[in-house]
Amino acid sequence: MFESITFFNQNKTDTSNPLEIGALVECMLFYGETSVVANQSILRQLFTYFGIDRVIELIEEELLNIIYTETNVCVLTRTINGTEYHDTGQVSSPQHTYQDELRKICIDVIGKAGKGRRTAQRIQGLIKVRNHENIILEGARKSFADQEYINYSAKSIIRSLIPEKINVDDIIFQTEQTDSGIVIATNINFAALNQVYHKYVPPTHSTINPALILSHTLDVESELYFSSNNLSEIATSGLSANLISHKINYLLEKSIKSSEKLKDFQGFVFNDARSLREAINKKQIDLDDLMLVLKNARKFKKWIIGVEPDQNLIKSYYSEVTKKTIVDKLPGKSVRWGIFTGAGIIADVLVTGGIGTVVGIGLGALDTFYLDKLISGWRPNQFIEDEVKELLRNSP
């Protein structure tokens, strides 16, 4: 644990603040490597909060790793004779290259064209650029076609998107692959749902419909691909966190010949932390003082990196890196993780030949990729936001 963690969009209803910066800082304190998969909005937020010079310093000090994606994955919808057909797609624009967007953001944040261009040149080579792979799109199509999985996902997505208590038990959300695309059959009353949803999220941002449900399911595949490819733990939105934990459980249940219900995520709570996240989010921490704390933490991280989570060990580490600092003066609080506990089960069934063949269990290329990463040691632990209520709930 604590080798690396990858951050994704944590707030999908606020394009100005897609990351929770406080959670990012907490992870930079704990993890050997903290990565952010960034688009224009995330890059702008990082530069605005920390200042571009500090972001450069964080990268050069190996406290932060930024992966910029020039492409976006999405659900494409077209209507033919009154019927909606959906498919996954990847979009990019030659007018919105990494270099162009970086330069625009630097000029906007700094407020001076010349200095903005020079600063963009300084940081350009420090940020990694990656595009989404086609395997993500194919994997999402496979997930859409899995009727049990997509029905669970639809219920979970609606439950997460609607702040008010609603009954989703009787929801039906099924898919059919046709030559023209994916057709949805559902009993969801979208008009009634959106009356509630739009009390909290404006229609100009989004409306709940079949394409939105498919889009959130696609996002999970993208986030799992990047994190598994990096062999990293995961920090994402509460909605994605719940879907990711279910996805991993569901994948292993399909793959492992076991009569027992798998429960592959357990909660781990560290009760002796300080309210650093909250203070960061309220902009109550001097950023230069924060940089000193983060730099000082590097020499002690070997205490916790690569070992099983242990209260006393983490307490000793946290106390050492925060004593006599601004963090030490903050109120106490708890920090939580969802710890993947399926490694032992995987090891046992490998010995006994219990992993089903790809053909035998019908796994697609992307699910097989995830399974291979799990077998080779990937642990999809999750750094949990306070709002996440259902991350550790195992589906029936």
Protein backbone atom coordinates (compact mmCIF):
# COMPACT_ATOMS: atom_id res chain seq x y z
CA MET A 1 0.00 0.00 0.00
CA PHE A 2 0.96 3.67 -0.49
CA GLU A 3 3.19 3.01 -3.50
CA SER A 4 1.10 5.13 -5.87
CA ILE A 5 -2.36 6.57 -6.38
CA THR A 6 -4.06 8.08 -9.43
CA PHE A 7 -6.62 10.90 -9.24
CA PHE A 8 -9.47 11.33 -11.68
CA ASN A 9 -12.34 13.81 -11.93
CA GLN A 10 -13.89 13.81 -8.45
CA ASN A 11 -16.69 16.30 -9.02
CA LYS A 12 -18.45 15.74 -12.32
CA THR A 13 -21.05 18.45 -11.72
CA ASP A 14 -18.53 21.28 -11.25
CA THR A 15 -16.26 21.92 -14.23
CA SER A 16 -14.40 24.67 -12.32
CA ASN A 17 -13.41 22.39 -9.43
CA PRO A 18 -13.20 18.83 -10.77
CA LEU A 19 -10.59 17.84 -8.15
CA GLU A 20 -10.82 17.99 -4.39
CA ILE A 21 -7.46 19.65 -3.82
CA GLY A 22 -7.47 18.81 -0.11
CA ALA A 23 -7.70 15.09 -0.85
CA LEU A 24 -4.91 15.42 -3.41
CA VAL A 25 -2.63 17.05 -0.83
CA GLU A 26 -3.41 14.37 1.75
CA CYS A 27 -2.40 11.71 -0.75
CA MET A 28 0.82 13.55 -1.59
CA LEU A 29 1.57 13.29 2.12
CA PHE A 30 0.96 9.52 2.24
CA TYR A 31 1.87 8.12 -1.18
CA GLY A 32 5.20 7.57 -2.87
CA GLU A 33 3.73 8.70 -6.19
CA THR A 34 0.58 10.76 -6.69
CA SER A 35 -0.67 11.10 -10.26
CA VAL A 36 -3.49 13.14 -11.76
CA VAL A 37 -5.13 12.26 -15.07
CA ALA A 38 -5.95 15.76 -16.28
CA ASN A 39 -7.99 17.53 -18.92
CA GLN A 40 -8.12 21.30 -19.47
CA SER A 41 -10.37 21.91 -16.44
CA ILE A 42 -8.19 19.93 -14.05
CA LEU A 43 -5.00 21.54 -15.35
CA ARG A 44 -6.49 25.00 -14.92
CA GLN A 45 -7.64 24.18 -11.38
CA LEU A 46 -4.18 22.93 -10.35
CA PHE A 47 -2.44 25.98 -11.80
CA THR A 48 -4.94 28.37 -10.22
CA TYR A 49 -4.81 26.84 -6.75
CA PHE A 50 -1.09 26.17 -6.36
CA GLY A 51 0.34 28.64 -8.85
CA ILE A 52 2.22 27.31 -11.87
CA ASP A 53 5.65 27.71 -10.27
CA ARG A 54 4.58 25.51 -7.34
CA VAL A 55 3.13 22.91 -9.69
CA ILE A 56 6.50 22.82 -11.48
CA GLU A 57 8.19 22.40 -8.10
CA LEU A 58 5.81 19.60 -7.09
CA ILE A 59 6.58 17.75 -10.32
CA GLU A 60 10.34 18.28 -10.10
CA GLU A 61 10.34 17.15 -6.45
CA GLU A 62 8.47 13.99 -7.57
CA LEU A 63 5.53 14.81 -5.32
CA LEU A 64 3.07 15.09 -8.22
CA ASN A 65 2.79 13.49 -11.64
CA ILE A 66 0.40 14.96 -14.23
CA ILE A 67 -0.90 12.89 -17.15
CA TYR A 68 -2.71 15.06 -19.69
CA THR A 69 -5.21 13.44 -22.06
CA GLU A 70 -5.69 15.10 -25.45
CA THR A 71 -8.59 12.78 -26.21
CA ASN A 72 -11.93 12.25 -24.51
CA VAL A 73 -14.05 9.11 -24.47
CA CYS A 74 -17.79 9.59 -24.75
CA VAL A 75 -21.10 8.01 -25.62
CA LEU A 76 -22.35 8.98 -29.08
CA THR A 77 -26.10 8.98 -29.66
CA ARG A 78 -28.08 9.27 -32.86
CA THR A 79 -31.81 8.97 -33.49
CA ILE A 80 -33.21 6.97 -36.42
CA ASN A 81 -36.97 6.85 -36.95
CA GLY A 82 -37.57 7.82 -33.33
CA THR A 83 -35.21 5.22 -31.83
CA GLU A 84 -32.00 6.22 -30.06
CA TYR A 85 -28.85 4.25 -30.88
CA HIS A 86 -25.74 4.56 -28.71
CA ASP A 87 -22.07 3.69 -29.10
CA THR A 88 -18.77 4.57 -27.49
CA GLY A 89 -16.42 6.99 -29.20
CA GLN A 90 -13.22 8.95 -28.83
CA VAL A 91 -13.02 12.64 -29.69
CA SER A 92 -10.13 15.06 -30.14
CA SER A 93 -9.50 18.28 -32.01
CA PRO A 94 -6.46 19.58 -33.91
CA GLN A 95 -7.47 23.03 -32.63
CA HIS A 96 -7.13 21.86 -29.02
CA THR A 97 -3.72 20.20 -28.83
CA TYR A 98 -1.87 19.86 -25.54
CA GLN A 99 0.58 22.63 -26.43
CA ASP A 100 -2.18 25.05 -27.46
CA GLU A 101 -4.34 24.39 -24.40
CA LEU A 102 -1.36 24.59 -22.04
CA ARG A 103 -0.33 27.94 -23.47
CA LYS A 104 -3.89 29.33 -23.19
CA ILE A 105 -4.23 28.19 -19.58
CA CYS A 106 -0.83 29.60 -18.57
CA ILE A 107 -1.63 32.97 -20.15
CA ASP A 108 -5.06 33.06 -18.46
CA VAL A 109 -3.72 32.12 -15.03
CA ILE A 110 -0.70 34.45 -15.14
CA GLY A 111 -2.49 37.28 -16.90
CA LYS A 112 0.42 38.21 -19.18
CA ALA A 113 0.85 36.78 -22.66
CA GLY A 114 4.66 36.81 -22.81
CA LYS A 115 5.23 35.36 -19.35
CA GLY A 116 2.42 32.86 -19.90
CA ARG A 117 4.05 31.54 -23.07
CA ARG A 118 7.46 31.27 -21.39
CA THR A 119 5.96 29.46 -18.39
CA ALA A 120 4.13 27.05 -20.70
CA GLN A 121 7.45 26.19 -22.33
CA ARG A 122 8.96 25.52 -18.88
CA ILE A 123 6.28 23.07 -17.80
CA GLN A 124 5.41 21.52 -21.17
CA GLY A 125 7.99 18.74 -20.97
CA LEU A 126 7.21 17.95 -17.34
CA ILE A 127 3.66 16.81 -18.07
CA LYS A 128 3.08 13.43 -19.70
CA VAL A 129 0.62 13.27 -22.58
CA ARG A 130 -1.43 10.14 -23.20
CA ASN A 131 -4.47 9.29 -25.26
CA HIS A 132 -7.25 6.87 -24.49
CA GLU A 133 -6.78 3.42 -26.00
CA ASN A 134 -9.40 1.69 -28.14
CA ILE A 135 -9.44 -1.18 -25.65
CA ILE A 136 -11.35 1.16 -23.28
CA LEU A 137 -14.13 1.62 -25.84
CA GLU A 138 -14.34 -2.10 -26.55
CA GLY A 139 -14.34 -2.88 -22.84
CA ALA A 140 -17.19 -0.45 -22.23
CA ARG A 141 -19.23 -2.05 -25.02
CA LYS A 142 -18.67 -5.41 -23.35
CA SER A 143 -19.87 -3.99 -20.03
CA PHE A 144 -22.93 -2.44 -21.69
CA ALA A 145 -23.84 -5.87 -23.09
CA ASP A 146 -23.60 -7.58 -19.69
CA GLN A 147 -27.23 -7.31 -18.58
CA GLU A 148 -26.66 -8.03 -14.90
CA TYR A 149 -23.78 -5.57 -14.66
CA ILE A 150 -25.40 -2.71 -16.61
CA ASN A 151 -28.65 -3.02 -14.65
CA TYR A 152 -26.74 -2.75 -11.37
CA SER A 153 -24.75 0.19 -12.74
CA ALA A 154 -27.89 2.05 -13.80
CA LYS A 155 -29.41 1.68 -10.33
CA SER A 156 -26.19 2.75 -8.63
CA ILE A 157 -25.72 5.75 -10.93
CA ILE A 158 -29.25 7.02 -10.37
CA ARG A 159 -28.97 6.52 -6.62
CA SER A 160 -25.74 8.53 -6.61
CA LEU A 161 -26.98 11.32 -8.88
CA ILE A 162 -30.20 11.97 -6.95
CA PRO A 163 -29.46 13.53 -3.54
CA GLU A 164 -32.91 12.61 -2.26
CA LYS A 165 -33.89 9.13 -1.15
CA ILE A 166 -35.48 7.15 -3.99
CA ASN A 167 -36.34 3.51 -4.56
CA VAL A 168 -34.35 1.98 -7.42
CA ASP A 169 -35.04 -1.69 -6.65
CA ASP A 170 -37.59 -2.11 -9.44
CA ILE A 171 -35.59 -0.30 -12.11
CA ILE A 172 -34.99 -2.21 -15.33
CA PHE A 173 -32.21 -1.03 -17.66
CA GLN A 174 -31.34 -3.47 -20.41
CA THR A 175 -29.35 -3.16 -23.63
CA GLU A 176 -29.52 -4.70 -27.08
CA GLN A 177 -26.73 -4.52 -29.62
CA THR A 178 -27.99 -3.84 -33.15
CA ASP A 179 -26.26 -3.06 -36.43
CA SER A 180 -27.02 0.63 -35.85
CA GLY A 181 -25.83 0.73 -32.23
CA ILE A 182 -26.99 -0.05 -28.71
CA VAL A 183 -30.70 0.26 -27.96
CA ILE A 184 -31.90 0.73 -24.37
CA ALA A 185 -35.04 -0.86 -22.92
CA THR A 186 -35.94 0.65 -19.55
CA ASN A 187 -38.85 1.45 -17.25
CA ILE A 188 -37.11 4.54 -15.82
CA ASN A 189 -39.28 7.66 -15.66
CA PHE A 190 -36.61 10.13 -16.75
CA ALA A 191 -38.96 13.12 -16.64
CA ALA A 192 -39.72 12.52 -12.96
CA LEU A 193 -36.06 11.86 -12.16
CA ASN A 194 -34.93 15.07 -13.80
CA GLN A 195 -37.47 17.13 -11.90
CA VAL A 196 -35.51 16.17 -8.78
CA TYR A 197 -32.05 16.15 -10.38
CA HIS A 198 -32.40 19.65 -11.81
CA LYS A 199 -33.08 21.05 -8.36
CA TYR A 200 -29.40 20.37 -7.68
CA VAL A 201 -27.74 20.32 -11.11
CA PRO A 202 -28.79 22.81 -13.83
CA PRO A 203 -30.11 21.45 -17.14
CA THR A 204 -27.30 23.37 -18.86
CA HIS A 205 -24.85 20.96 -17.20
CA SER A 206 -26.57 17.61 -17.72
CA THR A 207 -29.82 15.69 -17.84
CA ILE A 208 -30.27 12.10 -16.74
CA ASN A 209 -30.94 9.92 -19.77
CA PRO A 210 -29.71 6.56 -21.11
CA ALA A 211 -26.60 8.16 -22.64
CA LEU A 212 -25.60 9.68 -19.29
CA ILE A 213 -25.91 6.31 -17.56
CA LEU A 214 -23.76 4.70 -20.24
CA SER A 215 -21.26 7.58 -19.98
CA HIS A 216 -20.67 7.01 -16.27
CA THR A 217 -20.17 3.31 -16.95
CA LEU A 218 -17.65 4.22 -19.67
CA ASP A 219 -15.83 6.54 -17.24
CA VAL A 220 -15.28 3.62 -14.88
CA GLU A 221 -13.58 1.60 -17.62
CA SER A 222 -11.33 4.55 -18.48
CA GLU A 223 -10.36 5.15 -14.86
CA LEU A 224 -9.73 1.47 -14.18
CA TYR A 225 -7.58 1.22 -17.30
CA PHE A 226 -5.34 4.14 -16.35
CA SER A 227 -4.99 3.06 -12.71
CA SER A 228 -4.36 -0.61 -13.50
CA ASN A 229 -1.86 0.36 -16.20
CA ASN A 230 -0.04 2.44 -13.56
CA LEU A 231 -0.50 -0.31 -10.92
CA SER A 232 -1.86 2.44 -8.70
CA GLU A 233 -4.58 2.93 -6.15
CA ILE A 234 -7.56 5.11 -7.05
CA ALA A 235 -9.06 8.46 -6.05
CA THR A 236 -12.15 9.44 -7.98
CA SER A 237 -15.75 10.60 -7.53
CA GLY A 238 -18.02 8.87 -5.06
CA LEU A 239 -20.10 7.57 -7.94
CA SER A 240 -17.13 6.07 -9.78
CA ALA A 241 -15.68 4.66 -6.55
CA ASN A 242 -18.83 2.66 -5.91
CA LEU A 243 -18.95 1.38 -9.48
CA ILE A 244 -15.25 0.49 -9.43
CA SER A 245 -15.55 -1.59 -6.26
CA HIS A 246 -18.55 -3.40 -7.75
CA LYS A 247 -16.72 -3.92 -11.05
CA ILE A 248 -13.73 -5.56 -9.35
CA ASN A 249 -15.94 -7.77 -7.18
CA TYR A 250 -18.07 -8.72 -10.18
CA LEU A 251 -15.03 -9.50 -12.32
CA LEU A 252 -13.53 -11.78 -9.70
CA GLU A 253 -16.82 -13.54 -9.04
CA LYS A 254 -17.06 -14.32 -12.77
CA SER A 255 -13.42 -15.41 -12.95
CA ILE A 256 -12.93 -17.44 -9.80
CA LYS A 257 -14.54 -20.82 -9.33
CA SER A 258 -15.75 -20.33 -5.79
CA SER A 259 -19.05 -21.10 -4.12
CA GLU A 260 -18.48 -18.32 -1.59
CA LYS A 261 -19.57 -14.75 -2.08
CA LEU A 262 -16.44 -12.64 -2.49
CA LYS A 263 -16.03 -9.55 -0.33
CA ASP A 264 -12.93 -7.98 -1.73
CA PHE A 265 -12.99 -4.50 -0.19
CA GLN A 266 -12.81 -3.75 3.51
CA GLY A 267 -12.66 -0.43 5.28
CA PHE A 268 -9.47 0.82 6.90
CA VAL A 269 -9.70 3.89 9.10
CA PHE A 270 -6.77 5.92 10.43
CA ASN A 271 -8.13 7.86 13.40
CA ASP A 272 -5.14 10.05 14.23
CA ALA A 273 -4.97 12.33 11.20
CA ARG A 274 -5.42 16.09 11.13
CA SER A 275 -7.98 18.11 9.19
CA LEU A 276 -5.51 18.98 6.43
CA ARG A 277 -7.94 18.28 3.62
CA GLU A 278 -10.56 20.60 5.07
CA ALA A 279 -8.06 23.40 5.71
CA ILE A 280 -6.69 23.11 2.17
CA ASN A 281 -10.17 23.25 0.66
CA LYS A 282 -10.93 26.38 2.69
CA LYS A 283 -7.59 27.91 1.63
CA GLN A 284 -6.48 28.25 5.26
CA ILE A 285 -2.98 26.83 4.71
CA ASP A 286 0.01 28.85 3.55
CA LEU A 287 1.18 27.06 0.43
CA ASP A 288 4.89 27.68 1.03
CA ASP A 289 4.55 26.09 4.47
CA LEU A 290 2.67 23.20 2.87
CA MET A 291 5.48 22.63 0.38
CA LEU A 292 7.93 22.25 3.27
CA VAL A 293 5.72 19.61 4.91
CA LEU A 294 5.37 17.63 1.68
CA LYS A 295 9.10 17.73 0.98
CA ASN A 296 9.93 16.69 4.52
CA ALA A 297 7.58 13.70 4.27
CA ARG A 298 9.58 12.09 1.45
CA LYS A 299 12.38 10.82 3.67
CA PHE A 300 9.94 9.02 5.97
CA LYS A 301 7.63 7.43 3.38
CA LYS A 302 9.71 4.26 3.28
CA TRP A 303 8.17 3.46 6.67
CA ILE A 304 4.74 2.83 5.12
CA ILE A 305 5.22 2.21 1.38
CA GLY A 306 4.67 -1.40 0.37
CA VAL A 307 3.51 -2.68 3.74
CA GLU A 308 0.07 -3.76 4.93
CA PRO A 309 -1.95 -0.93 6.53
CA ASP A 310 -1.17 -0.74 10.23
CA GLN A 311 -2.60 1.84 12.63
CA ASN A 312 0.51 2.18 14.79
CA LEU A 313 2.93 2.38 11.88
CA ILE A 314 0.87 5.01 10.06
CA LYS A 315 0.43 6.94 13.30
CA SER A 316 4.20 7.03 13.84
CA TYR A 317 4.77 8.17 10.26
CA TYR A 318 2.08 10.84 10.37
CA SER A 319 3.28 12.16 13.70
CA GLU A 320 6.87 12.38 12.46
CA VAL A 321 6.10 14.25 9.24
CA THR A 322 3.62 16.71 10.77
CA LYS A 323 5.12 17.52 14.16
CA LYS A 324 5.97 21.19 14.70
CA THR A 325 4.33 22.08 11.38
CA ILE A 326 1.16 23.88 10.36
CA VAL A 327 -0.55 20.48 10.09
CA ASP A 328 0.12 19.64 13.74
CA LYS A 329 -2.04 22.57 14.83
CA LEU A 330 -5.13 21.44 12.93
CA PRO A 331 -8.09 19.63 14.54
CA GLY A 332 -8.09 15.83 14.55
CA LYS A 333 -10.07 13.64 12.16
CA SER A 334 -10.16 10.21 10.53
CA VAL A 335 -8.90 9.20 7.09
CA ARG A 336 -10.44 6.21 5.33
CA TRP A 337 -9.52 3.75 2.60
CA GLY A 338 -11.27 0.90 0.86
CA ILE A 339 -8.65 -1.86 0.98
CA PHE A 340 -8.68 -4.58 -1.67
CA THR A 341 -8.50 -7.91 0.15
CA GLY A 342 -8.87 -10.32 -2.75
CA ALA A 343 -5.15 -10.92 -3.25
CA GLY A 344 -5.10 -14.00 -1.04
CA ILE A 345 -8.08 -15.50 -2.83
CA ILE A 346 -6.42 -14.94 -6.20
CA ALA A 347 -3.22 -16.60 -4.98
CA ASP A 348 -5.14 -19.61 -3.65
CA VAL A 349 -7.13 -20.23 -6.81
CA LEU A 350 -4.06 -19.82 -9.00
CA VAL A 351 -2.49 -22.74 -7.14
CA THR A 352 -5.62 -24.86 -7.53
CA GLY A 353 -6.32 -23.83 -11.12
CA GLY A 354 -9.49 -21.96 -10.20
CA ILE A 355 -9.15 -19.03 -12.60
CA GLY A 356 -11.52 -19.63 -15.49
CA THR A 357 -10.27 -19.34 -19.05
CA VAL A 358 -11.11 -16.21 -20.99
CA VAL A 359 -13.21 -18.22 -23.43
CA GLY A 360 -14.91 -20.17 -20.67
CA ILE A 361 -16.11 -17.15 -18.71
CA GLY A 362 -16.62 -14.77 -21.61
CA LEU A 363 -14.22 -12.03 -20.51
CA GLY A 364 -13.38 -9.32 -23.01
CA ALA A 365 -9.89 -7.99 -23.65
CA LEU A 366 -10.18 -5.15 -21.12
CA ASP A 367 -11.53 -7.33 -18.30
CA THR A 368 -8.78 -9.83 -19.05
CA PHE A 369 -6.28 -6.96 -18.82
CA TYR A 370 -7.65 -6.03 -15.37
CA LEU A 371 -7.51 -9.64 -14.23
CA ASP A 372 -3.92 -10.02 -15.43
CA LYS A 373 -2.98 -6.87 -13.49
CA LEU A 374 -4.68 -8.20 -10.34
CA ILE A 375 -2.85 -11.50 -10.69
CA SER A 376 0.46 -9.68 -11.17
CA GLY A 377 -0.02 -7.62 -8.01
CA TRP A 378 -2.24 -4.61 -8.75
CA ARG A 379 -4.23 -3.61 -5.66
CA PRO A 380 -7.12 -1.25 -6.52
CA ASN A 381 -7.39 0.29 -3.05
CA GLN A 382 -9.45 3.46 -2.92
CA PHE A 383 -8.93 6.68 -1.01
CA ILE A 384 -12.42 7.45 0.28
CA GLU A 385 -14.15 10.79 0.39
CA ASP A 386 -16.37 11.50 3.38
CA GLU A 387 -19.42 11.56 1.12
CA VAL A 388 -18.94 8.01 -0.12
CA LYS A 389 -21.61 5.97 1.61
CA GLU A 390 -21.68 2.82 -0.47
CA LEU A 391 -18.11 2.09 -1.47
CA LEU A 392 -17.80 -0.96 0.78
CA ARG A 393 -21.32 -2.23 0.22
CA ASN A 394 -21.28 -5.55 -1.60
CA SER A 395 -24.04 -6.01 -4.11
CA PRO A 396 -26.31 -9.02 -3.84
